Amino acid sequence: MEKYIIKTIHSDGYERFAVVKELEHDVNLVVHFWEYDEYLETGEESKKKKIGDLLEGNLSIGLVTNSQKVDEELFYYQEIQNSSHIEAIVEVIQIVDEYAVYALSSILDKKILIEFESAVDYKVGDKISIIGSLEMVDKDN
């Protein structure tokens, strides 16, 4: 589980979008997560998580609707401000099932869970280009 400092946070109902700074690697990322026990109206401030708070959890890339096998180096980028949208090239290291794999990622140079919206048939060692949402599974949820 990694530790992050919340730099900015935006709320929409139970959803949260936050710019976080990973402590060990000094990396800023935009992540999406759920706060199941705190519904907020637009503009309302969270009582649970605020700027400067520590967020602990595991990253994953979900909602992957577009993927393909490629022969390129690992990378990622997030171009849309305050959005968890991510485009990345990752290398499959473990098959979970036909809808999920663990892959090496350049995000933190660690393995990350990739969850596809439809069945895929990738093999260990495949490098794949993906488009999805960078998700944070908070240790408290």
Foldseek 3Di string as FASTA:
>chain_A
DWKWFFAAWFDAFQKIWTFTATDPPRDTAIAIEGNPPDTDHGPDDDPPDDGGDMFDFAKAFEPWADKDFDDDDWDKDDDDPSFQKMKIKWFFAADPDQFWTWTQHPRVRDIHIYGYPDGDDDDHGTIMITIGGIYTDTPVD
